[in-house]
C-alpha atoms as a PDB file:
ATOM      1  CA  UNK A   1       0.000   0.000   0.000  1.00  0.00           C
ATOM      2  CA  UNK A   2       2.761   2.433   0.942  1.00  0.00           C
ATOM      3  CA  UNK A   3       4.659   1.759  -2.292  1.00  0.00           C
ATOM      4  CA  UNK A   4       1.595   2.607  -4.374  1.00  0.00           C
ATOM      5  CA  UNK A   5       0.864   5.742  -2.340  1.00  0.00           C
ATOM      6  CA  UNK A   6       4.486   6.844  -2.794  1.00  0.00           C
ATOM      7  CA  UNK A   7       4.422   6.113  -6.531  1.00  0.00           C
ATOM      8  CA  UNK A   8       1.373   8.285  -7.237  1.00  0.00           C
ATOM      9  CA  UNK A   9       2.285  11.114  -4.842  1.00  0.00           C
ATOM     10  CA  UNK A  10       2.821  14.323  -6.773  1.00  0.00           C
ATOM     11  CA  UNK A  11       1.931  12.793 -10.144  1.00  0.00           C
ATOM     12  CA  UNK A  12      -1.831  13.175  -9.948  1.00  0.00           C
ATOM     13  CA  UNK A  13      -4.890  12.259  -8.010  1.00  0.00           C
ATOM     14  CA  UNK A  14      -6.299   8.769  -7.655  1.00  0.00           C
ATOM     15  CA  UNK A  15      -8.791   9.254 -10.501  1.00  0.00           C
ATOM     16  CA  UNK A  16      -5.870   9.643 -12.938  1.00  0.00           C
ATOM     17  CA  UNK A  17      -4.621   6.129 -12.198  1.00  0.00           C
ATOM     18  CA  UNK A  18      -5.712   2.565 -12.947  1.00  0.00           C
ATOM     19  CA  UNK A  19      -5.111  -0.295 -10.509  1.00  0.00           C
ATOM     20  CA  UNK A  20      -5.463  -3.994 -11.180  1.00  0.00           C
ATOM     21  CA  UNK A  21      -4.213  -7.449 -10.357  1.00  0.00           C
ATOM     22  CA  UNK A  22      -2.813 -10.128 -12.620  1.00  0.00           C
ATOM     23  CA  UNK A  23      -0.822 -13.321 -12.606  1.00  0.00           C
ATOM     24  CA  UNK A  24       0.918 -12.403 -15.868  1.00  0.00           C
ATOM     25  CA  UNK A  25       2.075  -8.764 -15.713  1.00  0.00           C
ATOM     26  CA  UNK A  26       3.719  -8.695 -19.158  1.00  0.00           C
ATOM     27  CA  UNK A  27       0.595  -9.998 -20.891  1.00  0.00           C
ATOM     28  CA  UNK A  28      -1.667  -7.661 -18.910  1.00  0.00           C
ATOM     29  CA  UNK A  29       0.453  -4.594 -19.681  1.00  0.00           C
ATOM     30  CA  UNK A  30       0.410  -5.494 -23.377  1.00  0.00           C
ATOM     31  CA  UNK A  31      -3.378  -5.927 -23.272  1.00  0.00           C
ATOM     32  CA  UNK A  32      -3.846  -2.468 -21.760  1.00  0.00           C
ATOM     33  CA  UNK A  33      -1.457  -0.977 -24.321  1.00  0.00           C
ATOM     34  CA  UNK A  34      -3.246  -2.740 -27.190  1.00  0.00           C
ATOM     35  CA  UNK A  35      -6.522  -1.256 -25.876  1.00  0.00           C
ATOM     36  CA  UNK A  36      -5.023   2.192 -26.470  1.00  0.00           C
ATOM     37  CA  UNK A  37      -4.197   2.983 -22.862  1.00  0.00           C
ATOM     38  CA  UNK A  38      -0.972   4.809 -22.035  1.00  0.00           C
ATOM     39  CA  UNK A  39       1.095   2.503 -19.829  1.00  0.00           C
ATOM     40  CA  UNK A  40       4.257   4.619 -19.628  1.00  0.00           C
ATOM     41  CA  UNK A  41       3.923   4.865 -15.822  1.00  0.00           C
ATOM     42  CA  UNK A  42       3.267   1.104 -15.414  1.00  0.00           C
ATOM     43  CA  UNK A  43       4.575  -0.266 -12.134  1.00  0.00           C
ATOM     44  CA  UNK A  44       3.818  -3.633 -10.571  1.00  0.00           C
ATOM     45  CA  UNK A  45       4.620  -5.390  -7.328  1.00  0.00           C
ATOM     46  CA  UNK A  46       4.416  -9.014  -6.290  1.00  0.00           C
ATOM     47  CA  UNK A  47       1.661  -9.449  -3.713  1.00  0.00           C
ATOM     48  CA  UNK A  48       2.005 -11.669  -0.666  1.00  0.00           C
ATOM     49  CA  UNK A  49      -1.163 -13.511  -1.685  1.00  0.00           C
ATOM     50  CA  UNK A  50      -4.154 -13.329  -4.000  1.00  0.00           C
ATOM     51  CA  UNK A  51      -6.266 -12.171  -1.063  1.00  0.00           C
ATOM     52  CA  UNK A  52      -3.855  -9.331  -0.242  1.00  0.00           C
ATOM     53  CA  UNK A  53      -3.823  -8.229  -3.883  1.00  0.00           C
ATOM     54  CA  UNK A  54      -7.631  -8.213  -3.996  1.00  0.00           C
ATOM     55  CA  UNK A  55      -7.811  -6.215  -0.753  1.00  0.00           C
ATOM     56  CA  UNK A  56      -5.351  -3.630  -2.094  1.00  0.00           C
ATOM     57  CA  UNK A  57      -7.178  -3.389  -5.401  1.00  0.00           C
ATOM     58  CA  UNK A  58     -10.481  -2.792  -3.596  1.00  0.00           C
ATOM     59  CA  UNK A  59      -8.863  -0.227  -1.291  1.00  0.00           C
ATOM     60  CA  UNK A  60      -7.555   1.834  -4.203  1.00  0.00           C
ATOM     61  CA  UNK A  61     -10.805   1.520  -6.159  1.00  0.00           C
ATOM     62  CA  UNK A  62     -12.556   3.007  -3.119  1.00  0.00           C
ATOM     63  CA  UNK A  63     -10.071   5.913  -3.244  1.00  0.00           C
ATOM     64  CA  UNK A  64     -11.144   6.605  -6.837  1.00  0.00           C
ATOM     65  CA  UNK A  65      -8.651   4.685  -8.978  1.00  0.00           C
ATOM     66  CA  UNK A  66      -9.972   3.202 -12.211  1.00  0.00           C
ATOM     67  CA  UNK A  67     -10.069  -0.507 -12.984  1.00  0.00           C
ATOM     68  CA  UNK A  68     -12.300  -3.511 -12.744  1.00  0.00           C
ATOM     69  CA  UNK A  69     -12.330  -6.313 -10.249  1.00  0.00           C
ATOM     70  CA  UNK A  70      -9.691  -9.025 -10.612  1.00  0.00           C
ATOM     71  CA  UNK A  71     -10.405 -11.733 -13.152  1.00  0.00           C
ATOM     72  CA  UNK A  72     -10.186 -15.499 -12.858  1.00  0.00           C
ATOM     73  CA  UNK A  73      -7.166 -15.958 -10.584  1.00  0.00           C
ATOM     74  CA  UNK A  74      -5.624 -19.160  -9.246  1.00  0.00           C
ATOM     75  CA  UNK A  75      -5.085 -18.950  -5.458  1.00  0.00           C
ATOM     76  CA  UNK A  76      -1.748 -20.806  -5.499  1.00  0.00           C
ATOM     77  CA  UNK A  77      -0.166 -18.748  -8.288  1.00  0.00           C
ATOM     78  CA  UNK A  78       1.984 -15.628  -7.841  1.00  0.00           C
ATOM     79  CA  UNK A  79      -0.215 -12.538  -8.050  1.00  0.00           C
ATOM     80  CA  UNK A  80       0.841  -8.996  -8.858  1.00  0.00           C
ATOM     81  CA  UNK A  81      -0.812  -5.658  -8.261  1.00  0.00           C
ATOM     82  CA  UNK A  82      -0.142  -3.007 -10.867  1.00  0.00           C
ATOM     83  CA  UNK A  83      -0.849   0.644 -11.467  1.00  0.00           C
ATOM     84  CA  UNK A  84      -0.502   2.950 -14.428  1.00  0.00           C
END
Protein backbone atom coordinates (compact mmCIF):
# COMPACT_ATOMS: atom_id res chain seq x y z
CA UNK A 1 0.00 0.00 0.00
CA UNK A 2 2.76 2.43 0.94
CA UNK A 3 4.66 1.76 -2.29
CA UNK A 4 1.60 2.61 -4.37
CA UNK A 5 0.86 5.74 -2.34
CA UNK A 6 4.49 6.84 -2.79
CA UNK A 7 4.42 6.11 -6.53
CA UNK A 8 1.37 8.29 -7.24
CA UNK A 9 2.29 11.11 -4.84
CA UNK A 10 2.82 14.32 -6.77
CA UNK A 11 1.93 12.79 -10.14
CA UNK A 12 -1.83 13.18 -9.95
CA UNK A 13 -4.89 12.26 -8.01
CA UNK A 14 -6.30 8.77 -7.66
CA UNK A 15 -8.79 9.25 -10.50
CA UNK A 16 -5.87 9.64 -12.94
CA UNK A 17 -4.62 6.13 -12.20
CA UNK A 18 -5.71 2.56 -12.95
CA UNK A 19 -5.11 -0.29 -10.51
CA UNK A 20 -5.46 -3.99 -11.18
CA UNK A 21 -4.21 -7.45 -10.36
CA UNK A 22 -2.81 -10.13 -12.62
CA UNK A 23 -0.82 -13.32 -12.61
CA UNK A 24 0.92 -12.40 -15.87
CA UNK A 25 2.08 -8.76 -15.71
CA UNK A 26 3.72 -8.69 -19.16
CA UNK A 27 0.60 -10.00 -20.89
CA UNK A 28 -1.67 -7.66 -18.91
CA UNK A 29 0.45 -4.59 -19.68
CA UNK A 30 0.41 -5.49 -23.38
CA UNK A 31 -3.38 -5.93 -23.27
CA UNK A 32 -3.85 -2.47 -21.76
CA UNK A 33 -1.46 -0.98 -24.32
CA UNK A 34 -3.25 -2.74 -27.19
CA UNK A 35 -6.52 -1.26 -25.88
CA UNK A 36 -5.02 2.19 -26.47
CA UNK A 37 -4.20 2.98 -22.86
CA UNK A 38 -0.97 4.81 -22.04
CA UNK A 39 1.10 2.50 -19.83
CA UNK A 40 4.26 4.62 -19.63
CA UNK A 41 3.92 4.86 -15.82
CA UNK A 42 3.27 1.10 -15.41
CA UNK A 43 4.57 -0.27 -12.13
CA UNK A 44 3.82 -3.63 -10.57
CA UNK A 45 4.62 -5.39 -7.33
CA UNK A 46 4.42 -9.01 -6.29
CA UNK A 47 1.66 -9.45 -3.71
CA UNK A 48 2.00 -11.67 -0.67
CA UNK A 49 -1.16 -13.51 -1.68
CA UNK A 50 -4.15 -13.33 -4.00
CA UNK A 51 -6.27 -12.17 -1.06
CA UNK A 52 -3.86 -9.33 -0.24
CA UNK A 53 -3.82 -8.23 -3.88
CA UNK A 54 -7.63 -8.21 -4.00
CA UNK A 55 -7.81 -6.21 -0.75
CA UNK A 56 -5.35 -3.63 -2.09
CA UNK A 57 -7.18 -3.39 -5.40
CA UNK A 58 -10.48 -2.79 -3.60
CA UNK A 59 -8.86 -0.23 -1.29
CA UNK A 60 -7.55 1.83 -4.20
CA UNK A 61 -10.80 1.52 -6.16
CA UNK A 62 -12.56 3.01 -3.12
CA UNK A 63 -10.07 5.91 -3.24
CA UNK A 64 -11.14 6.61 -6.84
CA UNK A 65 -8.65 4.69 -8.98
CA UNK A 66 -9.97 3.20 -12.21
CA UNK A 67 -10.07 -0.51 -12.98
CA UNK A 68 -12.30 -3.51 -12.74
CA UNK A 69 -12.33 -6.31 -10.25
CA UNK A 70 -9.69 -9.03 -10.61
CA UNK A 71 -10.40 -11.73 -13.15
CA UNK A 72 -10.19 -15.50 -12.86
CA UNK A 73 -7.17 -15.96 -10.58
CA UNK A 74 -5.62 -19.16 -9.25
CA UNK A 75 -5.09 -18.95 -5.46
CA UNK A 76 -1.75 -20.81 -5.50
CA UNK A 77 -0.17 -18.75 -8.29
CA UNK A 78 1.98 -15.63 -7.84
CA UNK A 79 -0.22 -12.54 -8.05
CA UNK A 80 0.84 -9.00 -8.86
CA UNK A 81 -0.81 -5.66 -8.26
CA UNK A 82 -0.14 -3.01 -10.87
CA UNK A 83 -0.85 0.64 -11.47
CA UNK A 84 -0.50 2.95 -14.43
